[in-house]
Amino acid sequence: MYKLFFNLVFKRMDPEQAHYLAFRWIRLAARIPVLRTFVAAALAPRHKELRTEAFGLRMHGPFGLAAGFDKNAVAIDGMSMLGFDHIEIGTVTGEAQPGNPKKRLFRLVQDRALINRMGFNNEGSAAVAERLAARKAVFRTTVGVNIGKTKVVAEADAAADYVKSTERLAAHADYLVVNVSSPNTPGLRNLQATESLRPLLTAVREAADRTVTDRRVPLLVKIAPDLADEDVDAVADLAVELGLDGIIATNTTTAREGLGLKSDPALVKETGGLSGAPLKERSLEVLSRLYARVGDSITLVGVGGIETAEDAWQRILAGATLVQGYSAFIYQGPFWGRAIHKGLAARLAASPYATLAEAVGAETRKAVK
């Protein structure tokens, strides 16, 4: 039914307009008590065997919404209602900004992919912090906050900008993510180099500890799939050295060659980050490499090209404790989360592993022996 609706309605609309329309419907449904209860019962059934613990946080399952969908923390309960076990909001910047000029979001339907050059459009960390502080949760869910650099801030001043957001948002975050891997903010990916990343992460860690004194806010970093293997290793080593709680692998890619893209060449050439099915292979490679490097010393989050329960299961076997999705939600609709959970539960039951935690990294461990 959703595929028919997508082809008849959303496919004919500008992608960004369709996103905001669907977003309004989700938010509206979440405001109506009887409706949200019915929707959650249908779309977010709980599977006890999928209960997950990551960086000290307990979640209903391992499947979450990646950053980029709910930039301003306005639909946390709505997305939880649709079956996401954790919601990562953002990317949020130190100051409000409109993002890049429209048109800036493109569907590659034949490739089940998206290209975006949104440019961190958001209301800024002060407004988002105020909204999170006032939020009265309807559903119990884990909320991650993804922070990035304000576009007009010079690269040399990036740390101070991240610290500003941390000081405002850390108290309201179940975990924090430092995003240095979006291709749509000039100079941002330069911060992935360890000589830049070390002082940045150190400053954010110190700011979080200074701001929130009654608990330790888990800190993660999100990396690009376009890093060379040796740079992936360097980030992994730095994360262990600094005592980070996790790495999210991966963000969108600027690559186009070698991905077997079938869409209109003019569309493929649009600048921005490519997400969705074509990213699947490289994202899995990066995740496996990270787990082979760090083992269970820090938590890994797999994202990029996850469409099915089998995709999610392969990320878990490769080393991911948590998995996230976004692009496939556009193509598969509101029953996607239900299908992922049902499929994961079936795969776990058919596997030799008693728990999901036992399955994490199992295939990578075999490969490196």
Protein backbone atom coordinates (compact mmCIF):
# COMPACT_ATOMS: atom_id res chain seq x y z
CA MET A 1 0.00 0.00 0.00
CA TYR A 2 2.76 2.43 0.91
CA LYS A 3 4.63 1.78 -2.34
CA LEU A 4 1.47 2.64 -4.28
CA PHE A 5 1.02 5.82 -2.22
CA PHE A 6 4.68 6.72 -2.71
CA ASN A 7 4.39 6.33 -6.50
CA LEU A 8 1.12 8.25 -6.74
CA VAL A 9 1.85 11.06 -4.28
CA PHE A 10 5.35 11.46 -2.85
CA LYS A 11 7.19 10.59 -6.05
CA ARG A 12 5.42 13.44 -7.83
CA MET A 13 6.36 15.96 -5.15
CA ASP A 14 9.58 17.82 -4.52
CA PRO A 15 11.52 15.53 -2.11
CA GLU A 16 11.95 18.19 0.56
CA GLN A 17 8.27 19.15 0.43
CA ALA A 18 7.28 15.48 0.66
CA HIS A 19 9.56 15.09 3.68
CA TYR A 20 7.93 17.96 5.55
CA LEU A 21 4.43 16.77 4.64
CA ALA A 22 5.11 13.28 5.99
CA PHE A 23 6.79 14.84 9.01
CA ARG A 24 3.66 16.88 9.81
CA TRP A 25 1.47 13.78 9.59
CA ILE A 26 3.75 11.86 11.95
CA ARG A 27 3.80 14.71 14.46
CA LEU A 28 0.02 15.09 14.28
CA ALA A 29 -0.58 11.38 14.87
CA ALA A 30 1.72 11.45 17.88
CA ARG A 31 -0.35 14.26 19.46
CA ILE A 32 -3.58 12.24 19.45
CA PRO A 33 -3.52 9.81 22.42
CA VAL A 34 -5.79 7.07 21.07
CA LEU A 35 -4.26 7.20 17.59
CA ARG A 36 -0.65 7.11 18.76
CA THR A 37 -1.39 4.17 21.05
CA PHE A 38 -2.96 2.26 18.16
CA VAL A 39 -0.13 3.13 15.76
CA ALA A 40 2.57 2.18 18.27
CA ALA A 41 0.86 -1.15 18.99
CA ALA A 42 0.77 -1.92 15.26
CA LEU A 43 4.15 -0.56 14.19
CA ALA A 44 6.35 -0.80 17.28
CA PRO A 45 5.75 -4.22 18.89
CA ARG A 46 8.40 -5.11 21.44
CA HIS A 47 10.58 -8.20 21.13
CA LYS A 48 12.15 -8.98 24.50
CA GLU A 49 14.97 -10.92 22.88
CA LEU A 50 16.09 -7.77 21.03
CA ARG A 51 16.61 -5.67 24.14
CA THR A 52 19.96 -3.96 23.83
CA GLU A 53 22.43 -2.19 26.08
CA ALA A 54 24.88 0.28 24.57
CA PHE A 55 27.25 2.67 26.37
CA GLY A 56 25.34 2.06 29.58
CA LEU A 57 21.91 2.79 28.07
CA ARG A 58 19.13 0.22 27.85
CA MET A 59 17.00 0.22 24.70
CA HIS A 60 14.03 -1.80 23.44
CA GLY A 61 16.15 -2.95 20.50
CA PRO A 62 19.16 -2.05 18.36
CA PHE A 63 17.39 -0.18 15.54
CA GLY A 64 17.39 3.61 15.52
CA LEU A 65 16.71 6.63 13.36
CA ALA A 66 19.87 8.22 11.97
CA ALA A 67 20.51 11.94 12.29
CA GLY A 68 19.17 14.16 9.54
CA PHE A 69 15.49 13.27 9.65
CA ASP A 70 14.51 15.16 12.81
CA LYS A 71 16.95 18.05 12.83
CA ASN A 72 15.20 20.13 15.48
CA ALA A 73 13.85 17.54 17.94
CA VAL A 74 10.22 18.08 17.00
CA ALA A 75 9.11 14.48 16.32
CA ILE A 76 10.87 12.25 18.85
CA ASP A 77 7.67 10.62 20.06
CA GLY A 78 6.34 10.36 16.51
CA MET A 79 9.38 8.44 15.31
CA SER A 80 9.41 6.27 18.44
CA MET A 81 5.76 5.49 17.67
CA LEU A 82 6.92 4.11 14.31
CA GLY A 83 9.26 1.60 15.91
CA PHE A 84 12.65 3.27 16.22
CA ASP A 85 14.43 2.18 19.40
CA HIS A 86 16.54 5.30 19.58
CA ILE A 87 16.22 8.66 17.87
CA GLU A 88 19.27 10.70 16.91
CA ILE A 89 18.30 14.32 16.37
CA GLY A 90 20.26 16.93 14.45
CA THR A 91 22.68 17.75 13.10
CA VAL A 92 22.44 20.78 15.41
CA THR A 93 24.90 23.67 15.05
CA GLY A 94 25.99 26.35 17.48
CA GLU A 95 23.94 28.97 15.68
CA ALA A 96 20.75 28.70 13.66
CA GLN A 97 21.28 28.53 9.91
CA PRO A 98 19.06 28.06 6.84
CA GLY A 99 21.30 25.54 5.11
CA ASN A 100 22.16 25.52 1.45
CA PRO A 101 19.93 26.99 -1.28
CA LYS A 102 17.10 24.84 -2.56
CA LYS A 103 16.82 22.50 -4.46
CA ARG A 104 19.02 20.43 -2.18
CA LEU A 105 17.44 16.99 -1.78
CA PHE A 106 17.16 14.48 -4.64
CA ARG A 107 15.70 11.00 -4.95
CA LEU A 108 17.49 8.34 -6.98
CA VAL A 109 14.51 5.99 -7.04
CA GLN A 110 16.08 3.37 -9.30
CA ASP A 111 18.98 3.12 -6.88
CA ARG A 112 16.89 3.38 -3.71
CA ALA A 113 19.11 6.27 -2.74
CA LEU A 114 19.12 9.96 -1.88
CA ILE A 115 21.51 12.81 -2.57
CA ASN A 116 21.38 15.71 -0.14
CA ARG A 117 23.26 18.94 0.24
CA MET A 118 21.04 20.32 2.98
CA GLY A 119 23.94 22.00 4.77
CA PHE A 120 22.91 21.50 8.41
CA ASN A 121 19.71 23.54 8.19
CA ASN A 122 18.48 23.79 11.79
CA GLU A 123 17.22 26.19 14.46
CA GLY A 124 20.47 26.22 16.39
CA SER A 125 21.56 24.67 19.69
CA ALA A 126 19.85 27.22 21.95
CA ALA A 127 16.40 26.65 20.42
CA VAL A 128 16.81 22.86 20.31
CA ALA A 129 18.02 22.77 23.92
CA GLU A 130 14.97 24.76 25.00
CA ARG A 131 12.67 22.34 23.16
CA LEU A 132 14.33 19.28 24.69
CA ALA A 133 14.16 20.80 28.18
CA ALA A 134 10.41 21.40 27.80
CA ARG A 135 9.68 17.99 26.27
CA LYS A 136 7.27 15.68 28.09
CA ALA A 137 8.00 12.23 26.73
CA VAL A 138 5.10 10.04 25.69
CA PHE A 139 7.22 7.01 24.79
CA ARG A 140 10.38 5.92 26.57
CA THR A 141 13.14 6.18 24.02
CA THR A 142 16.84 6.98 23.87
CA VAL A 143 17.62 10.40 22.40
CA GLY A 144 21.00 11.07 20.85
CA VAL A 145 22.07 14.58 19.89
CA ASN A 146 24.27 15.01 16.83
CA ILE A 147 26.25 18.27 16.74
CA GLY A 148 28.16 19.92 13.90
CA LYS A 149 30.00 23.09 12.94
CA THR A 150 28.16 26.29 12.06
CA LYS A 151 28.96 27.08 8.43
CA VAL A 152 30.23 30.64 9.02
CA VAL A 153 32.57 29.54 11.79
CA ALA A 154 36.16 29.21 10.64
CA GLU A 155 37.79 25.81 10.81
CA ALA A 156 40.25 27.14 13.38
CA ASP A 157 37.35 28.09 15.67
CA ALA A 158 35.43 24.85 15.24
CA ALA A 159 36.17 23.49 18.70
CA ALA A 160 34.64 26.52 20.40
CA ASP A 161 31.52 26.16 18.25
CA TYR A 162 31.13 22.48 19.18
CA VAL A 163 31.71 23.33 22.84
CA LYS A 164 28.93 25.94 22.70
CA SER A 165 26.48 23.32 21.45
CA THR A 166 27.73 20.80 24.00
CA GLU A 167 27.20 23.18 26.89
CA ARG A 168 23.64 23.83 25.76
CA LEU A 169 22.64 20.29 24.78
CA ALA A 170 24.59 17.76 26.85
CA ALA A 171 22.17 17.86 29.78
CA HIS A 172 19.31 16.85 27.47
CA ALA A 173 21.17 14.13 25.55
CA ASP A 174 21.29 10.43 26.35
CA TYR A 175 24.39 10.47 24.15
CA LEU A 176 26.28 13.05 22.08
CA VAL A 177 27.67 12.63 18.57
CA VAL A 178 30.38 14.83 17.07
CA ASN A 179 29.68 15.01 13.34
CA VAL A 180 32.84 15.77 11.38
CA SER A 181 31.84 13.82 8.28
CA SER A 182 29.09 15.64 6.40
CA PRO A 183 30.28 16.65 2.91
CA ASN A 184 27.97 19.68 2.83
CA THR A 185 29.78 22.08 5.19
CA PRO A 186 33.01 23.45 3.71
CA GLY A 187 36.09 22.20 5.55
CA LEU A 188 34.16 19.97 7.94
CA ARG A 189 35.71 16.70 6.80
CA ASN A 190 39.17 18.15 7.40
CA LEU A 191 38.37 17.78 11.09
CA GLN A 192 38.52 13.98 10.73
CA ALA A 193 42.31 14.19 10.55
CA THR A 194 43.56 13.02 13.93
CA GLU A 195 45.63 16.15 14.55
CA SER A 196 42.39 18.18 14.35
CA LEU A 197 40.07 15.57 15.80
CA ARG A 198 42.02 14.97 19.02
CA PRO A 199 41.71 18.53 20.43
CA LEU A 200 38.13 18.81 19.20
CA LEU A 201 36.95 15.63 20.91
CA THR A 202 38.92 16.47 24.03
CA ALA A 203 37.25 19.88 24.23
CA VAL A 204 33.78 18.41 23.77
CA ARG A 205 34.43 15.69 26.38
CA GLU A 206 35.60 18.30 28.90
CA ALA A 207 32.61 20.54 28.16
CA ALA A 208 30.15 17.67 28.62
CA ASP A 209 31.75 16.65 31.93
CA ARG A 210 31.79 20.27 33.10
CA THR A 211 28.15 20.83 32.16
CA VAL A 212 26.64 17.55 33.36
CA THR A 213 28.01 16.52 36.74
CA ASP A 214 25.47 13.89 37.84
CA ARG A 215 26.22 11.39 35.05
CA ARG A 216 28.66 10.75 32.24
CA VAL A 217 27.19 11.65 28.85
CA PRO A 218 28.40 9.08 26.28
CA LEU A 219 30.37 10.65 23.44
CA LEU A 220 30.61 9.27 19.90
CA VAL A 221 32.12 10.44 16.64
CA LYS A 222 30.57 9.93 13.19
CA ILE A 223 32.93 9.26 10.29
CA ALA A 224 32.71 9.25 6.50
CA PRO A 225 32.83 6.16 4.26
CA ASP A 226 35.30 8.00 2.05
CA LEU A 227 38.17 7.80 4.54
CA ALA A 228 41.13 5.75 3.40
CA ASP A 229 41.58 2.52 5.35
CA GLU A 230 44.61 3.87 7.18
CA ASP A 231 42.59 6.90 8.27
CA VAL A 232 39.81 4.64 9.53
CA ASP A 233 42.45 2.86 11.62
CA ALA A 234 43.76 6.18 12.90
CA VAL A 235 40.32 7.32 14.02
CA ALA A 236 39.74 3.95 15.68
CA ASP A 237 43.02 4.21 17.60
CA LEU A 238 42.24 7.80 18.62
CA ALA A 239 38.78 6.82 19.87
CA VAL A 240 40.30 4.14 22.09
CA GLU A 241 43.05 6.50 23.28
CA LEU A 242 40.56 9.20 24.26
CA GLY A 243 38.10 6.81 25.84
CA LEU A 244 35.25 7.60 23.48
CA ASP A 245 32.09 5.60 23.93
CA GLY A 246 31.49 4.86 20.27
CA ILE A 247 31.96 5.43 16.56
CA ILE A 248 29.15 5.76 14.02
CA ALA A 249 30.03 4.29 10.63
CA THR A 250 29.17 5.82 8.27
CA ASN A 251 27.88 9.15 7.01
CA THR A 252 27.01 9.80 3.35
CA THR A 253 29.50 9.46 0.50
CA THR A 254 30.71 11.87 -2.16
CA ALA A 255 31.66 8.92 -4.38
CA ARG A 256 29.68 8.09 -7.50
CA GLU A 257 31.99 5.81 -9.48
CA GLY A 258 31.96 2.09 -8.82
CA LEU A 259 28.56 2.11 -7.12
CA GLY A 260 26.59 0.76 -10.07
CA LEU A 261 24.19 3.70 -10.11
CA LYS A 262 21.33 3.32 -12.58
CA SER A 263 19.57 6.68 -12.20
CA ASP A 264 19.63 9.55 -14.70
CA PRO A 265 23.29 10.65 -15.05
CA ALA A 266 22.25 14.30 -14.58
CA LEU A 267 20.73 13.37 -11.23
CA VAL A 268 23.72 11.30 -10.21
CA LYS A 269 25.98 14.30 -10.86
CA GLU A 270 24.19 16.47 -8.30
CA THR A 271 26.62 17.52 -5.58
CA GLY A 272 26.06 16.37 -2.03
CA GLY A 273 26.16 13.25 0.05
CA LEU A 274 24.79 10.03 -1.39
CA SER A 275 22.94 7.72 1.00
CA GLY A 276 20.89 4.56 0.66
CA ALA A 277 21.45 1.18 -0.96
CA PRO A 278 24.62 2.06 -2.96
CA LEU A 279 26.44 2.83 0.29
CA LYS A 280 25.80 -0.63 1.74
CA GLU A 281 29.04 -2.36 0.78
CA ARG A 282 31.50 0.36 1.78
CA SER A 283 29.73 1.12 5.03
CA LEU A 284 29.89 -2.54 5.98
CA GLU A 285 33.60 -2.65 5.07
CA VAL A 286 34.37 0.33 7.31
CA LEU A 287 32.37 -1.15 10.17
CA SER A 288 34.16 -4.51 9.91
CA ARG A 289 37.53 -2.77 9.80
CA LEU A 290 36.69 -0.73 12.89
CA TYR A 291 35.58 -3.79 14.86
CA ALA A 292 38.70 -5.71 13.86
CA ARG A 293 40.68 -2.77 15.24
CA VAL A 294 38.82 -1.94 18.45
CA GLY A 295 36.92 -5.13 19.29
CA ASP A 296 34.50 -4.66 22.15
CA SER A 297 36.43 -1.79 23.73
CA ILE A 298 34.00 0.79 22.33
CA THR A 299 30.49 0.61 20.86
CA LEU A 300 30.04 0.71 17.10
CA VAL A 301 26.91 1.95 15.35
CA GLY A 302 26.29 0.73 11.80
CA VAL A 303 24.49 3.01 9.37
CA GLY A 304 24.48 3.43 5.60
CA GLY A 305 22.49 1.38 3.12
CA ILE A 306 20.49 -0.60 5.67
CA GLU A 307 17.21 -1.59 4.02
CA THR A 308 16.24 -4.98 5.42
CA ALA A 309 16.49 -7.07 8.55
CA GLU A 310 19.22 -9.05 6.79
CA ASP A 311 21.22 -5.85 6.28
CA ALA A 312 20.84 -5.00 9.96
CA TRP A 313 21.80 -8.54 10.97
CA GLN A 314 24.95 -8.40 8.83
CA ARG A 315 25.97 -5.16 10.56
CA ILE A 316 25.51 -6.78 13.95
CA LEU A 317 27.61 -9.78 12.93
CA ALA A 318 30.24 -7.36 11.60
CA GLY A 319 30.49 -5.55 14.94
CA ALA A 320 27.61 -3.10 15.36
CA THR A 321 25.80 -3.05 18.69
CA LEU A 322 23.33 -0.54 17.26
CA VAL A 323 22.15 0.02 13.70
CA GLN A 324 20.48 3.07 12.19
CA GLY A 325 18.52 3.91 9.07
CA TYR A 326 17.03 6.87 7.27
CA SER A 327 16.96 6.67 3.46
CA ALA A 328 15.12 3.35 3.28
CA PHE A 329 12.35 4.82 5.45
CA ILE A 330 11.54 7.16 2.54
CA TYR A 331 11.07 4.22 0.19
CA GLN A 332 9.59 1.62 2.55
CA GLY A 333 7.35 3.70 4.76
CA PRO A 334 5.88 3.33 8.25
CA PHE A 335 5.96 -0.49 8.42
CA TRP A 336 9.72 -0.53 7.95
CA GLY A 337 10.63 -0.58 11.65
CA ARG A 338 8.19 -3.42 12.32
CA ALA A 339 9.73 -5.48 9.51
CA ILE A 340 13.27 -4.87 10.76
CA HIS A 341 12.41 -5.98 14.29
CA LYS A 342 10.47 -9.04 13.19
CA GLY A 343 13.27 -10.09 10.84
CA LEU A 344 15.99 -9.56 13.44
CA ALA A 345 14.10 -11.61 16.01
CA ALA A 346 13.74 -14.43 13.48
CA ARG A 347 17.41 -14.37 12.57
CA LEU A 348 18.50 -14.37 16.19
CA ALA A 349 16.22 -17.35 16.91
CA ALA A 350 17.69 -19.28 13.97
CA SER A 351 21.29 -18.42 14.92
CA PRO A 352 23.67 -20.15 17.34
CA TYR A 353 23.65 -17.04 19.55
CA ALA A 354 21.54 -16.79 22.70
CA THR A 355 21.49 -12.98 22.66
CA LEU A 356 22.15 -10.14 20.26
CA ALA A 357 25.17 -9.19 22.35
CA GLU A 358 26.72 -12.59 21.58
CA ALA A 359 26.19 -12.02 17.85
CA VAL A 360 27.93 -8.64 17.79
CA GLY A 361 31.14 -8.97 15.80
CA ALA A 362 30.90 -12.76 15.42
CA GLU A 363 31.67 -12.83 11.70
CA THR A 364 34.50 -10.30 11.97
CA ARG A 365 36.11 -12.30 14.77
CA LYS A 366 36.02 -15.40 12.58
CA ALA A 367 37.58 -13.51 9.67
CA VAL A 368 40.53 -12.18 11.64
CA LYS A 369 41.47 -15.48 13.29
